[in-house]
Amino acid sequence: MHIGVIGAGAASAAATHVLSETTDAEITVFEKSGGLCGRAATRRRDGRYYDYGANYVKDDDERVVELLTETLDDEGLVAIDEPIYVFDESGNVSEGRDTDRKWSYDEGLTQVAKRLFGGTEATIHRRTKVETIHRDGEQWRLTDTDGETHGSFDLLLCNAPAPQTETLLEHAEWDADIRDTLADAVGDVEYRTIWTAVLGYEFELDVPYYGLVNTDKNHEIGWISREECKGGHVPAGESLLIVQASPEWSVEHYDDPAEDNVTELTQMAADIVGDQRLDDPVWTDHQGWRYALPENGVASGPLDSAADAGLYCLGDWVAGEARLHAALRNGLDTGEQVAHRVAAEK
C-alpha cells in the first residue's frame, strides 16, 4: 500500500512513525518548505538555536510524554525548569501558577519531527508544494506547483493548516459532495495571526522566569520567553528573547516594515521586563505567522466521511487545541486509525 502525506508537521511525523511501526506501507511526504515540524520551527544562528514558533512541548498528554521520554532517544531532550509568570495590560509582572513540565531539544523543537521521520523509511520531498488533489477511481494523485504529478496513492493524509487545506479541497478533482462539505467545515476553523521578533543580547538577564504571558489579552505583546533557559540553545552569558505580538497587533502590523515592527516590539518588551538594556539588541530576527494558532476545531462528520473515502486530515486544528502536544497526539491517533484500515484491507 502507498500512502501520500501533505505537510511534514508534527502530526504527520507522529502518524508516519505509527504507520512505519505497524504496517509495511510505502509512505511519501510532500513539504512545501525546506524544514520539518511546521510551526514548531527552529532556526540556527552562529551556534545558537531558537524556537521561533511553538515554544515548547508540555506534559498534557501521557502518550506524548511517553513518546518523547521513552519511545524516542531522549538524548538532547532538555527540560525548562524556570516558571512562567504573567503580566497585565499595564505591563505589570507577577508570579503565575505554572506547574506543567516543559521540554525542547538542545537543537530545537524541530528535532521532534526529525527524529520521528528519521526512524522511518518514508520518502520526504522538501520544497514541493502540492497544488491539486486528484481522485482517480480508488486512487489519489497530487500535482505540485511545478506541474509534476505524484502518485498514485491508496490513502492520503493532509497535515496542512486549515486555510491551506480548504484551498486544496476547493480545487480538488474529487467527489463534489464530500469535497464541498469538508471544505466548508474546514473553512469554519479560525486562526490567530502572530508576528514574532527574536532579540539577541550579549548579557544574561537576571530574572526568575522562563516566560511571560499576558493573561488579560489587552497588551500589544502576548508572550515573551528566554531561549537561554533551554540547555544548548544560547552560549553562557547571553540572552535571546522570543517576543510574540498579540493577534490584534499582528494583524494590524503584519505588512509593515519588519524593522519598524522589531523596534516597536523591542521597546515594549524592555518596558515589561523592566530592563532598558533590552532596547538595544545586538542582532534580531523575525517571522510572521499568518496561520499561527487555530481558535477552534472542525466538525467530525465531514472528517469521517472524507476518511471513509481515503483522505485523512490531521493537525492541531483537527484536535481543536493550538498546542504541540495536541498535534502529536492527533498524529498518533490518526496513524493508528489508518493502520487499522491498512490491516483490514490486506
C-alpha atoms as a PDB file:
ATOM      1  CA  MET A   1       0.000   0.000   0.000  1.00  0.00           C
ATOM      2  CA  HIS A   2       1.229   3.503  -0.848  1.00  0.00           C
ATOM      3  CA  ILE A   3       0.278   6.443   1.398  1.00  0.00           C
ATOM      4  CA  GLY A   4       0.760  10.093   0.449  1.00  0.00           C
ATOM      5  CA  VAL A   5       1.188  12.786   3.119  1.00  0.00           C
ATOM      6  CA  ILE A   6       0.782  16.527   2.508  1.00  0.00           C
ATOM      7  CA  GLY A   7       2.847  18.501   5.009  1.00  0.00           C
ATOM      8  CA  ALA A   8       5.710  17.444   7.273  1.00  0.00           C
ATOM      9  CA  GLY A   9       4.347  18.867  10.512  1.00  0.00           C
ATOM     10  CA  ALA A  10       4.351  17.301  13.949  1.00  0.00           C
ATOM     11  CA  ALA A  11       1.072  15.440  13.384  1.00  0.00           C
ATOM     12  CA  SER A  12       2.169  13.837  10.131  1.00  0.00           C
ATOM     13  CA  ALA A  13       5.526  12.945  11.686  1.00  0.00           C
ATOM     14  CA  ALA A  14       3.728  11.125  14.518  1.00  0.00           C
ATOM     15  CA  ALA A  15       1.338   9.403  12.100  1.00  0.00           C
ATOM     16  CA  THR A  16       4.225   8.314   9.859  1.00  0.00           C
ATOM     17  CA  HIS A  17       6.013   6.946  12.918  1.00  0.00           C
ATOM     18  CA  VAL A  18       2.981   4.834  13.881  1.00  0.00           C
ATOM     19  CA  LEU A  19       2.409   3.585  10.341  1.00  0.00           C
ATOM     20  CA  SER A  20       6.044   2.625   9.936  1.00  0.00           C
ATOM     21  CA  GLU A  21       5.947   0.710  13.208  1.00  0.00           C
ATOM     22  CA  THR A  22       2.712  -1.146  12.473  1.00  0.00           C
ATOM     23  CA  THR A  23       2.453  -1.557   8.680  1.00  0.00           C
ATOM     24  CA  ASP A  24       4.607  -2.174   5.630  1.00  0.00           C
ATOM     25  CA  ALA A  25       3.036   0.749   3.771  1.00  0.00           C
ATOM     26  CA  GLU A  26       5.218   2.872   1.498  1.00  0.00           C
ATOM     27  CA  ILE A  27       4.952   6.488   2.690  1.00  0.00           C
ATOM     28  CA  THR A  28       5.766   9.617   0.683  1.00  0.00           C
ATOM     29  CA  VAL A  29       5.687  13.055   2.320  1.00  0.00           C
ATOM     30  CA  PHE A  30       5.428  16.386   0.479  1.00  0.00           C
ATOM     31  CA  GLU A  31       6.590  19.506   2.340  1.00  0.00           C
ATOM     32  CA  LYS A  32       6.365  22.968   0.776  1.00  0.00           C
ATOM     33  CA  SER A  33       9.230  24.407   2.863  1.00  0.00           C
ATOM     34  CA  GLY A  34      12.773  23.261   3.420  1.00  0.00           C
ATOM     35  CA  GLY A  35      12.182  22.274   7.056  1.00  0.00           C
ATOM     36  CA  LEU A  36      10.246  19.818   9.173  1.00  0.00           C
ATOM     37  CA  CYS A  37       7.740  20.156  12.036  1.00  0.00           C
ATOM     38  CA  GLY A  38       5.642  23.018  10.688  1.00  0.00           C
ATOM     39  CA  ARG A  39       5.039  25.806  13.189  1.00  0.00           C
ATOM     40  CA  ALA A  40       7.250  24.024  15.730  1.00  0.00           C
ATOM     41  CA  ALA A  41      10.140  25.741  13.974  1.00  0.00           C
ATOM     42  CA  THR A  42      13.787  26.221  14.911  1.00  0.00           C
ATOM     43  CA  ARG A  43      16.495  28.417  13.430  1.00  0.00           C
ATOM     44  CA  ARG A  44      20.237  28.287  13.971  1.00  0.00           C
ATOM     45  CA  ARG A  45      22.496  31.340  14.107  1.00  0.00           C
ATOM     46  CA  ASP A  46      26.218  31.154  14.908  1.00  0.00           C
ATOM     47  CA  GLY A  47      25.750  28.124  17.145  1.00  0.00           C
ATOM     48  CA  ARG A  48      22.577  29.434  18.775  1.00  0.00           C
ATOM     49  CA  TYR A  49      19.260  27.613  18.438  1.00  0.00           C
ATOM     50  CA  TYR A  50      15.896  29.265  18.919  1.00  0.00           C
ATOM     51  CA  ASP A  51      12.303  28.050  18.679  1.00  0.00           C
ATOM     52  CA  TYR A  52      10.544  30.951  16.987  1.00  0.00           C
ATOM     53  CA  GLY A  53       7.129  29.301  16.507  1.00  0.00           C
ATOM     54  CA  ALA A  54       5.897  26.878  19.153  1.00  0.00           C
ATOM     55  CA  ASN A  55       7.992  27.438  22.254  1.00  0.00           C
ATOM     56  CA  TYR A  56       7.951  24.005  23.876  1.00  0.00           C
ATOM     57  CA  VAL A  57       6.001  20.782  24.251  1.00  0.00           C
ATOM     58  CA  LYS A  58       4.382  20.195  27.620  1.00  0.00           C
ATOM     59  CA  ASP A  59       3.206  17.160  29.566  1.00  0.00           C
ATOM     60  CA  ASP A  60      -0.549  17.444  28.976  1.00  0.00           C
ATOM     61  CA  ASP A  61      -0.772  14.055  27.271  1.00  0.00           C
ATOM     62  CA  GLU A  62       0.625  10.802  28.676  1.00  0.00           C
ATOM     63  CA  ARG A  63       1.165   9.223  25.269  1.00  0.00           C
ATOM     64  CA  VAL A  64       3.158  12.210  24.054  1.00  0.00           C
ATOM     65  CA  VAL A  65       5.262  12.204  27.223  1.00  0.00           C
ATOM     66  CA  GLU A  66       5.977   8.507  26.679  1.00  0.00           C
ATOM     67  CA  LEU A  67       6.835   9.193  23.038  1.00  0.00           C
ATOM     68  CA  LEU A  68       9.385  11.869  23.944  1.00  0.00           C
ATOM     69  CA  THR A  69      10.918  10.337  27.050  1.00  0.00           C
ATOM     70  CA  GLU A  70      10.782   6.604  26.299  1.00  0.00           C
ATOM     71  CA  THR A  71       9.978   5.720  22.679  1.00  0.00           C
ATOM     72  CA  LEU A  72      12.366   8.202  21.091  1.00  0.00           C
ATOM     73  CA  ASP A  73      16.001   8.606  22.035  1.00  0.00           C
ATOM     74  CA  ASP A  74      15.877  11.245  24.794  1.00  0.00           C
ATOM     75  CA  GLU A  75      19.458  12.379  24.238  1.00  0.00           C
ATOM     76  CA  GLY A  76      19.337  16.135  23.799  1.00  0.00           C
ATOM     77  CA  LEU A  77      15.866  16.460  25.333  1.00  0.00           C
ATOM     78  CA  VAL A  78      16.085  19.447  27.677  1.00  0.00           C
ATOM     79  CA  ALA A  79      13.669  20.464  30.416  1.00  0.00           C
ATOM     80  CA  ILE A  80      12.712  24.087  31.035  1.00  0.00           C
ATOM     81  CA  ASP A  81      12.853  24.431  34.805  1.00  0.00           C
ATOM     82  CA  GLU A  82      12.075  28.129  35.222  1.00  0.00           C
ATOM     83  CA  PRO A  83       8.390  29.062  35.660  1.00  0.00           C
ATOM     84  CA  ILE A  84       6.087  31.170  33.520  1.00  0.00           C
ATOM     85  CA  TYR A  85       4.997  34.476  35.054  1.00  0.00           C
ATOM     86  CA  VAL A  86       2.133  36.713  33.897  1.00  0.00           C
ATOM     87  CA  PHE A  87       1.694  40.388  33.045  1.00  0.00           C
ATOM     88  CA  ASP A  88      -1.337  42.603  32.595  1.00  0.00           C
ATOM     89  CA  GLU A  89      -2.341  45.330  30.141  1.00  0.00           C
ATOM     90  CA  SER A  90      -0.164  47.828  32.032  1.00  0.00           C
ATOM     91  CA  GLY A  91       2.877  45.558  31.775  1.00  0.00           C
ATOM     92  CA  ASN A  92       2.900  44.698  35.496  1.00  0.00           C
ATOM     93  CA  VAL A  93       4.597  41.321  36.063  1.00  0.00           C
ATOM     94  CA  SER A  94       3.558  38.856  38.755  1.00  0.00           C
ATOM     95  CA  GLU A  95       4.048  35.187  39.572  1.00  0.00           C
ATOM     96  CA  GLY A  96       1.924  32.683  37.685  1.00  0.00           C
ATOM     97  CA  ARG A  97       0.657  29.224  38.560  1.00  0.00           C
ATOM     98  CA  ASP A  98       2.663  27.250  36.026  1.00  0.00           C
ATOM     99  CA  THR A  99       3.067  23.597  37.076  1.00  0.00           C
ATOM    100  CA  ASP A 100       3.492  21.863  33.712  1.00  0.00           C
ATOM    101  CA  ARG A 101       6.690  20.142  32.707  1.00  0.00           C
ATOM    102  CA  LYS A 102       8.047  21.657  29.507  1.00  0.00           C
ATOM    103  CA  TRP A 103      10.642  20.399  27.035  1.00  0.00           C
ATOM    104  CA  SER A 104      12.546  21.330  23.949  1.00  0.00           C
ATOM    105  CA  TYR A 105      15.728  19.809  22.493  1.00  0.00           C
ATOM    106  CA  ASP A 106      19.223  21.230  22.678  1.00  0.00           C
ATOM    107  CA  GLU A 107      18.970  21.702  18.898  1.00  0.00           C
ATOM    108  CA  GLY A 108      15.379  22.917  18.976  1.00  0.00           C
ATOM    109  CA  LEU A 109      11.827  21.626  18.652  1.00  0.00           C
ATOM    110  CA  THR A 110      12.256  20.571  15.030  1.00  0.00           C
ATOM    111  CA  GLN A 111      14.067  17.575  16.494  1.00  0.00           C
ATOM    112  CA  VAL A 112      10.621  16.126  17.278  1.00  0.00           C
ATOM    113  CA  ALA A 113       9.784  15.668  13.588  1.00  0.00           C
ATOM    114  CA  LYS A 114      13.365  14.949  12.553  1.00  0.00           C
ATOM    115  CA  ARG A 115      13.564  12.046  14.996  1.00  0.00           C
ATOM    116  CA  LEU A 116      10.108  10.713  14.180  1.00  0.00           C
ATOM    117  CA  PHE A 117      10.664  10.800  10.420  1.00  0.00           C
ATOM    118  CA  GLY A 118      14.269   9.688  10.839  1.00  0.00           C
ATOM    119  CA  GLY A 119      13.174   6.411  12.393  1.00  0.00           C
ATOM    120  CA  THR A 120      11.142   5.534   9.292  1.00  0.00           C
ATOM    121  CA  GLU A 121      11.810   4.756   5.647  1.00  0.00           C
ATOM    122  CA  ALA A 122       9.438   7.459   4.465  1.00  0.00           C
ATOM    123  CA  THR A 123      10.460   9.446   1.400  1.00  0.00           C
ATOM    124  CA  ILE A 124      10.291  13.200   2.036  1.00  0.00           C
ATOM    125  CA  HIS A 125      10.134  15.697  -0.829  1.00  0.00           C
ATOM    126  CA  ARG A 126      11.003  19.135   0.542  1.00  0.00           C
ATOM    127  CA  ARG A 127      10.209  22.413  -1.227  1.00  0.00           C
ATOM    128  CA  THR A 128       7.393  20.611  -3.003  1.00  0.00           C
ATOM    129  CA  LYS A 129       4.094  22.454  -2.711  1.00  0.00           C
ATOM    130  CA  VAL A 130       1.016  20.420  -3.575  1.00  0.00           C
ATOM    131  CA  GLU A 131      -1.391  22.437  -5.686  1.00  0.00           C
ATOM    132  CA  THR A 132      -4.084  19.968  -6.756  1.00  0.00           C
ATOM    133  CA  ILE A 133      -5.528  16.743  -5.377  1.00  0.00           C
ATOM    134  CA  HIS A 134      -6.955  14.272  -7.910  1.00  0.00           C
ATOM    135  CA  ARG A 135      -9.142  11.243  -7.228  1.00  0.00           C
ATOM    136  CA  ASP A 136      -8.982   8.553  -9.933  1.00  0.00           C
ATOM    137  CA  GLY A 137     -11.314   5.717  -9.011  1.00  0.00           C
ATOM    138  CA  GLU A 138      -9.856   4.341  -5.786  1.00  0.00           C
ATOM    139  CA  GLN A 139      -6.513   6.129  -6.124  1.00  0.00           C
ATOM    140  CA  TRP A 140      -5.180   9.588  -5.317  1.00  0.00           C
ATOM    141  CA  ARG A 141      -2.744  11.680  -7.334  1.00  0.00           C
ATOM    142  CA  LEU A 142      -1.113  15.008  -6.470  1.00  0.00           C
ATOM    143  CA  THR A 143       0.120  17.781  -8.719  1.00  0.00           C
ATOM    144  CA  ASP A 144       2.681  20.251  -7.370  1.00  0.00           C
ATOM    145  CA  THR A 145       3.202  23.896  -8.305  1.00  0.00           C
ATOM    146  CA  ASP A 146       5.898  22.893 -10.823  1.00  0.00           C
ATOM    147  CA  GLY A 147       3.343  20.812 -12.684  1.00  0.00           C
ATOM    148  CA  GLU A 148       4.812  17.476 -11.635  1.00  0.00           C
ATOM    149  CA  THR A 149       2.380  14.656 -10.822  1.00  0.00           C
ATOM    150  CA  HIS A 150       2.922  12.311  -7.859  1.00  0.00           C
ATOM    151  CA  GLY A 151       1.166   9.055  -7.088  1.00  0.00           C
ATOM    152  CA  SER A 152      -0.898   7.095  -7.256  1.00  0.00           C
ATOM    153  CA  PHE A 153      -1.688   6.659  -3.555  1.00  0.00           C
ATOM    154  CA  ASP A 154      -4.138   4.330  -1.875  1.00  0.00           C
ATOM    155  CA  LEU A 155      -4.668   6.723   1.041  1.00  0.00           C
ATOM    156  CA  LEU A 156      -3.928  10.402   1.564  1.00  0.00           C
ATOM    157  CA  LEU A 157      -3.111  12.320   4.765  1.00  0.00           C
ATOM    158  CA  CYS A 158      -3.312  16.127   4.829  1.00  0.00           C
ATOM    159  CA  ASN A 159      -1.403  17.983   7.557  1.00  0.00           C
ATOM    160  CA  ALA A 160      -1.592  21.481   6.041  1.00  0.00           C
ATOM    161  CA  PRO A 161      -3.113  24.289   8.164  1.00  0.00           C
ATOM    162  CA  ALA A 162      -6.878  24.547   7.783  1.00  0.00           C
ATOM    163  CA  PRO A 163      -6.926  27.546   5.367  1.00  0.00           C
ATOM    164  CA  GLN A 164      -4.446  25.823   3.052  1.00  0.00           C
ATOM    165  CA  THR A 165      -6.363  22.544   3.331  1.00  0.00           C
ATOM    166  CA  GLU A 166      -9.550  24.416   2.420  1.00  0.00           C
ATOM    167  CA  THR A 167      -7.867  25.808  -0.720  1.00  0.00           C
ATOM    168  CA  LEU A 168      -6.656  22.355  -1.720  1.00  0.00           C
ATOM    169  CA  LEU A 169     -10.154  20.939  -1.265  1.00  0.00           C
ATOM    170  CA  GLU A 170     -11.798  23.723  -3.255  1.00  0.00           C
ATOM    171  CA  HIS A 171      -9.637  22.825  -6.250  1.00  0.00           C
ATOM    172  CA  ALA A 172      -9.648  19.062  -5.737  1.00  0.00           C
ATOM    173  CA  GLU A 173     -10.846  16.829  -8.543  1.00  0.00           C
ATOM    174  CA  TRP A 174     -12.949  14.582  -6.344  1.00  0.00           C
ATOM    175  CA  ASP A 175     -16.490  13.693  -5.310  1.00  0.00           C
ATOM    176  CA  ALA A 176     -18.159  17.111  -5.121  1.00  0.00           C
ATOM    177  CA  ASP A 177     -20.479  16.349  -2.203  1.00  0.00           C
ATOM    178  CA  ILE A 178     -17.763  15.045   0.136  1.00  0.00           C
ATOM    179  CA  ARG A 179     -15.246  17.638  -1.048  1.00  0.00           C
ATOM    180  CA  ASP A 180     -17.516  20.661  -0.634  1.00  0.00           C
ATOM    181  CA  THR A 181     -18.904  19.569   2.729  1.00  0.00           C
ATOM    182  CA  LEU A 182     -15.408  19.060   4.085  1.00  0.00           C
ATOM    183  CA  ALA A 183     -14.145  22.345   2.592  1.00  0.00           C
ATOM    184  CA  ASP A 184     -16.997  24.241   4.269  1.00  0.00           C
ATOM    185  CA  ALA A 185     -16.255  22.614   7.635  1.00  0.00           C
ATOM    186  CA  VAL A 186     -12.529  23.267   7.354  1.00  0.00           C
ATOM    187  CA  GLY A 187     -13.238  26.856   6.342  1.00  0.00           C
ATOM    188  CA  ASP A 188     -15.001  27.423   9.658  1.00  0.00           C
ATOM    189  CA  VAL A 189     -11.702  26.991  11.554  1.00  0.00           C
ATOM    190  CA  GLU A 190     -10.451  30.415  12.612  1.00  0.00           C
ATOM    191  CA  TYR A 191      -6.816  31.277  13.240  1.00  0.00           C
ATOM    192  CA  ARG A 192      -4.904  33.816  15.276  1.00  0.00           C
ATOM    193  CA  THR A 193      -2.123  35.649  13.457  1.00  0.00           C
ATOM    194  CA  ILE A 194       1.150  36.126  15.351  1.00  0.00           C
ATOM    195  CA  TRP A 195       4.106  38.377  14.434  1.00  0.00           C
ATOM    196  CA  THR A 196       7.301  37.350  16.236  1.00  0.00           C
ATOM    197  CA  ALA A 197      10.520  39.232  16.963  1.00  0.00           C
ATOM    198  CA  VAL A 198      13.726  37.472  18.013  1.00  0.00           C
ATOM    199  CA  LEU A 199      16.174  39.577  20.040  1.00  0.00           C
ATOM    200  CA  GLY A 200      19.786  38.636  20.832  1.00  0.00           C
ATOM    201  CA  TYR A 201      21.911  40.173  23.611  1.00  0.00           C
ATOM    202  CA  GLU A 202      25.461  39.782  24.900  1.00  0.00           C
ATOM    203  CA  PHE A 203      24.368  39.734  28.531  1.00  0.00           C
ATOM    204  CA  GLU A 204      22.161  37.380  30.519  1.00  0.00           C
ATOM    205  CA  LEU A 205      19.018  38.627  32.183  1.00  0.00           C
ATOM    206  CA  ASP A 206      18.780  38.151  35.940  1.00  0.00           C
ATOM    207  CA  VAL A 207      15.087  37.279  36.243  1.00  0.00           C
ATOM    208  CA  PRO A 208      13.414  34.238  37.879  1.00  0.00           C
ATOM    209  CA  TYR A 209      11.164  33.207  34.985  1.00  0.00           C
ATOM    210  CA  TYR A 210      11.417  31.489  31.623  1.00  0.00           C
ATOM    211  CA  GLY A 211       8.408  33.176  30.068  1.00  0.00           C
ATOM    212  CA  LEU A 212       5.863  35.936  30.490  1.00  0.00           C
ATOM    213  CA  VAL A 213       2.292  35.592  29.225  1.00  0.00           C
ATOM    214  CA  ASN A 214      -0.321  38.331  29.019  1.00  0.00           C
ATOM    215  CA  THR A 215      -3.357  36.809  30.708  1.00  0.00           C
ATOM    216  CA  ASP A 216      -5.867  39.637  30.246  1.00  0.00           C
ATOM    217  CA  LYS A 217      -5.261  39.712  26.452  1.00  0.00           C
ATOM    218  CA  ASN A 218      -5.175  43.509  26.497  1.00  0.00           C
ATOM    219  CA  HIS A 219      -1.484  44.151  25.820  1.00  0.00           C
ATOM    220  CA  GLU A 220       0.137  44.534  22.394  1.00  0.00           C
ATOM    221  CA  ILE A 221       2.514  41.728  23.361  1.00  0.00           C
ATOM    222  CA  GLY A 222       1.157  38.302  24.172  1.00  0.00           C
ATOM    223  CA  TRP A 223       4.298  36.362  25.081  1.00  0.00           C
ATOM    224  CA  ILE A 224       7.989  36.824  25.939  1.00  0.00           C
ATOM    225  CA  SER A 225      10.358  33.929  26.586  1.00  0.00           C
ATOM    226  CA  ARG A 226      14.063  33.353  27.207  1.00  0.00           C
ATOM    227  CA  GLU A 227      15.779  30.782  24.989  1.00  0.00           C
ATOM    228  CA  GLU A 228      18.759  30.699  27.372  1.00  0.00           C
ATOM    229  CA  CYS A 229      16.559  28.647  29.709  1.00  0.00           C
ATOM    230  CA  LYS A 230      16.799  25.755  27.223  1.00  0.00           C
ATOM    231  CA  GLY A 231      20.043  23.827  27.533  1.00  0.00           C
ATOM    232  CA  GLY A 232      22.270  24.117  24.478  1.00  0.00           C
ATOM    233  CA  HIS A 233      20.365  26.978  22.837  1.00  0.00           C
ATOM    234  CA  VAL A 234      22.369  30.027  23.842  1.00  0.00           C
ATOM    235  CA  PRO A 235      26.036  30.496  24.885  1.00  0.00           C
ATOM    236  CA  ALA A 236      26.639  31.280  28.553  1.00  0.00           C
ATOM    237  CA  GLY A 237      26.353  34.952  29.393  1.00  0.00           C
ATOM    238  CA  GLU A 238      23.894  35.772  26.613  1.00  0.00           C
ATOM    239  CA  SER A 239      20.147  36.277  26.380  1.00  0.00           C
ATOM    240  CA  LEU A 240      17.841  35.516  23.482  1.00  0.00           C
ATOM    241  CA  LEU A 241      14.243  36.666  23.693  1.00  0.00           C
ATOM    242  CA  ILE A 242      11.261  35.449  21.682  1.00  0.00           C
ATOM    243  CA  VAL A 243       8.655  38.235  21.622  1.00  0.00           C
ATOM    244  CA  GLN A 244       5.242  37.384  20.178  1.00  0.00           C
ATOM    245  CA  ALA A 245       2.811  40.196  19.479  1.00  0.00           C
ATOM    246  CA  SER A 246      -0.877  39.895  20.256  1.00  0.00           C
ATOM    247  CA  PRO A 247      -3.119  38.684  17.421  1.00  0.00           C
ATOM    248  CA  GLU A 248      -4.721  42.128  17.083  1.00  0.00           C
ATOM    249  CA  TRP A 249      -1.364  43.929  16.851  1.00  0.00           C
ATOM    250  CA  SER A 250      -0.052  41.246  14.499  1.00  0.00           C
ATOM    251  CA  VAL A 251      -2.933  41.668  12.044  1.00  0.00           C
ATOM    252  CA  GLU A 252      -2.649  45.460  12.133  1.00  0.00           C
ATOM    253  CA  HIS A 253       1.117  45.478  11.544  1.00  0.00           C
ATOM    254  CA  TYR A 254       1.619  42.262   9.569  1.00  0.00           C
ATOM    255  CA  ASP A 255       2.646  44.003   6.352  1.00  0.00           C
ATOM    256  CA  ASP A 256       4.506  46.906   7.966  1.00  0.00           C
ATOM    257  CA  PRO A 257       8.285  47.139   7.511  1.00  0.00           C
ATOM    258  CA  ALA A 258       9.885  44.371   9.591  1.00  0.00           C
ATOM    259  CA  GLU A 259      12.473  46.761  11.031  1.00  0.00           C
ATOM    260  CA  ASP A 260       9.733  49.001  12.406  1.00  0.00           C
ATOM    261  CA  ASN A 261       7.874  46.060  13.932  1.00  0.00           C
ATOM    262  CA  VAL A 262      11.022  44.718  15.595  1.00  0.00           C
ATOM    263  CA  THR A 263      11.848  48.135  17.035  1.00  0.00           C
ATOM    264  CA  GLU A 264       8.372  48.621  18.491  1.00  0.00           C
ATOM    265  CA  LEU A 265       8.203  45.121  19.989  1.00  0.00           C
ATOM    266  CA  THR A 266      11.729  45.522  21.409  1.00  0.00           C
ATOM    267  CA  GLN A 267      10.785  48.695  23.252  1.00  0.00           C
ATOM    268  CA  MET A 268       7.597  47.191  24.655  1.00  0.00           C
ATOM    269  CA  ALA A 269       9.448  44.053  25.800  1.00  0.00           C
ATOM    270  CA  ALA A 270      12.080  46.176  27.556  1.00  0.00           C
ATOM    271  CA  ASP A 271       9.339  48.053  29.427  1.00  0.00           C
ATOM    272  CA  ILE A 272       7.616  44.822  30.511  1.00  0.00           C
ATOM    273  CA  VAL A 273      10.814  43.112  31.683  1.00  0.00           C
ATOM    274  CA  GLY A 274      11.957  46.358  33.308  1.00  0.00           C
ATOM    275  CA  ASP A 275      15.446  46.427  31.799  1.00  0.00           C
ATOM    276  CA  GLN A 276      16.180  49.246  29.353  1.00  0.00           C
ATOM    277  CA  ARG A 277      19.334  47.491  28.148  1.00  0.00           C
ATOM    278  CA  LEU A 278      16.915  45.407  26.101  1.00  0.00           C
ATOM    279  CA  ASP A 279      16.231  48.459  23.909  1.00  0.00           C
ATOM    280  CA  ASP A 280      19.470  47.727  22.036  1.00  0.00           C
ATOM    281  CA  PRO A 281      19.743  44.099  20.849  1.00  0.00           C
ATOM    282  CA  VAL A 282      22.984  43.005  19.193  1.00  0.00           C
ATOM    283  CA  TRP A 283      21.071  41.162  16.481  1.00  0.00           C
ATOM    284  CA  THR A 284      17.446  40.472  15.590  1.00  0.00           C
ATOM    285  CA  ASP A 285      15.304  38.149  13.540  1.00  0.00           C
ATOM    286  CA  HIS A 286      11.576  37.949  12.873  1.00  0.00           C
ATOM    287  CA  GLN A 287       8.767  35.819  11.492  1.00  0.00           C
ATOM    288  CA  GLY A 288       5.144  36.452  10.658  1.00  0.00           C
ATOM    289  CA  TRP A 289       2.776  33.535  11.203  1.00  0.00           C
ATOM    290  CA  ARG A 290      -0.453  34.313   9.363  1.00  0.00           C
ATOM    291  CA  TYR A 291      -1.961  30.980  10.460  1.00  0.00           C
ATOM    292  CA  ALA A 292      -0.347  30.605  13.867  1.00  0.00           C
ATOM    293  CA  LEU A 293      -2.924  29.245  16.292  1.00  0.00           C
ATOM    294  CA  PRO A 294      -6.287  27.644  15.500  1.00  0.00           C
ATOM    295  CA  GLU A 295      -9.096  29.019  17.635  1.00  0.00           C
ATOM    296  CA  ASN A 296     -11.388  26.018  17.252  1.00  0.00           C
ATOM    297  CA  GLY A 297     -11.662  22.535  15.820  1.00  0.00           C
ATOM    298  CA  VAL A 298     -13.599  21.103  12.920  1.00  0.00           C
ATOM    299  CA  ALA A 299     -16.837  19.117  12.791  1.00  0.00           C
ATOM    300  CA  SER A 300     -16.234  15.369  12.963  1.00  0.00           C
ATOM    301  CA  GLY A 301     -18.901  14.331  10.439  1.00  0.00           C
ATOM    302  CA  PRO A 302     -17.192  15.753   7.322  1.00  0.00           C
ATOM    303  CA  LEU A 303     -13.835  14.458   8.565  1.00  0.00           C
ATOM    304  CA  ASP A 304     -15.246  10.957   8.970  1.00  0.00           C
ATOM    305  CA  SER A 305     -16.829  10.992   5.510  1.00  0.00           C
ATOM    306  CA  ALA A 306     -13.531  12.044   3.953  1.00  0.00           C
ATOM    307  CA  ALA A 307     -11.662   9.374   5.907  1.00  0.00           C
ATOM    308  CA  ASP A 308     -14.084   6.729   4.649  1.00  0.00           C
ATOM    309  CA  ALA A 309     -13.142   7.846   1.130  1.00  0.00           C
ATOM    310  CA  GLY A 310      -9.433   7.594   1.962  1.00  0.00           C
ATOM    311  CA  LEU A 311      -8.478  11.174   2.866  1.00  0.00           C
ATOM    312  CA  TYR A 312      -7.473  11.915   6.472  1.00  0.00           C
ATOM    313  CA  CYS A 313      -6.996  15.427   7.868  1.00  0.00           C
ATOM    314  CA  LEU A 314      -4.724  15.822  10.874  1.00  0.00           C
ATOM    315  CA  GLY A 315      -3.063  18.525  12.947  1.00  0.00           C
ATOM    316  CA  ASP A 316      -3.707  20.779  15.917  1.00  0.00           C
ATOM    317  CA  TRP A 317      -6.734  22.308  14.153  1.00  0.00           C
ATOM    318  CA  VAL A 318      -8.299  18.852  13.901  1.00  0.00           C
ATOM    319  CA  ALA A 319      -7.613  18.309  17.604  1.00  0.00           C
ATOM    320  CA  GLY A 320      -9.103  21.742  18.314  1.00  0.00           C
ATOM    321  CA  GLU A 321      -6.194  22.800  20.523  1.00  0.00           C
ATOM    322  CA  ALA A 322      -3.301  25.031  19.466  1.00  0.00           C
ATOM    323  CA  ARG A 323      -0.607  23.041  21.244  1.00  0.00           C
ATOM    324  CA  LEU A 324       2.263  20.912  20.008  1.00  0.00           C
ATOM    325  CA  HIS A 325       1.288  18.010  22.240  1.00  0.00           C
ATOM    326  CA  ALA A 326      -2.228  18.114  20.750  1.00  0.00           C
ATOM    327  CA  ALA A 327      -0.824  17.900  17.215  1.00  0.00           C
ATOM    328  CA  LEU A 328       1.381  14.966  18.191  1.00  0.00           C
ATOM    329  CA  ARG A 329      -1.471  13.147  19.900  1.00  0.00           C
ATOM    330  CA  ASN A 330      -3.732  13.699  16.908  1.00  0.00           C
ATOM    331  CA  GLY A 331      -0.987  12.295  14.680  1.00  0.00           C
ATOM    332  CA  LEU A 332      -0.625   9.206  16.847  1.00  0.00           C
ATOM    333  CA  ASP A 333      -4.403   8.656  16.826  1.00  0.00           C
ATOM    334  CA  THR A 334      -4.666   9.180  13.065  1.00  0.00           C
ATOM    335  CA  GLY A 335      -1.735   6.864  12.445  1.00  0.00           C
ATOM    336  CA  GLU A 336      -3.456   4.137  14.425  1.00  0.00           C
ATOM    337  CA  GLN A 337      -6.745   4.722  12.587  1.00  0.00           C
ATOM    338  CA  VAL A 338      -5.018   4.408   9.222  1.00  0.00           C
ATOM    339  CA  ALA A 339      -3.010   1.385  10.386  1.00  0.00           C
ATOM    340  CA  HIS A 340      -6.246  -0.462  11.282  1.00  0.00           C
ATOM    341  CA  ARG A 341      -7.568   0.276   7.821  1.00  0.00           C
ATOM    342  CA  VAL A 342      -4.373  -0.941   6.166  1.00  0.00           C
ATOM    343  CA  ALA A 343      -4.560  -4.182   8.162  1.00  0.00           C
ATOM    344  CA  ALA A 344      -8.249  -4.669   7.300  1.00  0.00           C
ATOM    345  CA  GLU A 345      -7.662  -4.159   3.570  1.00  0.00           C
ATOM    346  CA  LYS A 346      -4.827  -6.648   3.271  1.00  0.00           C
END
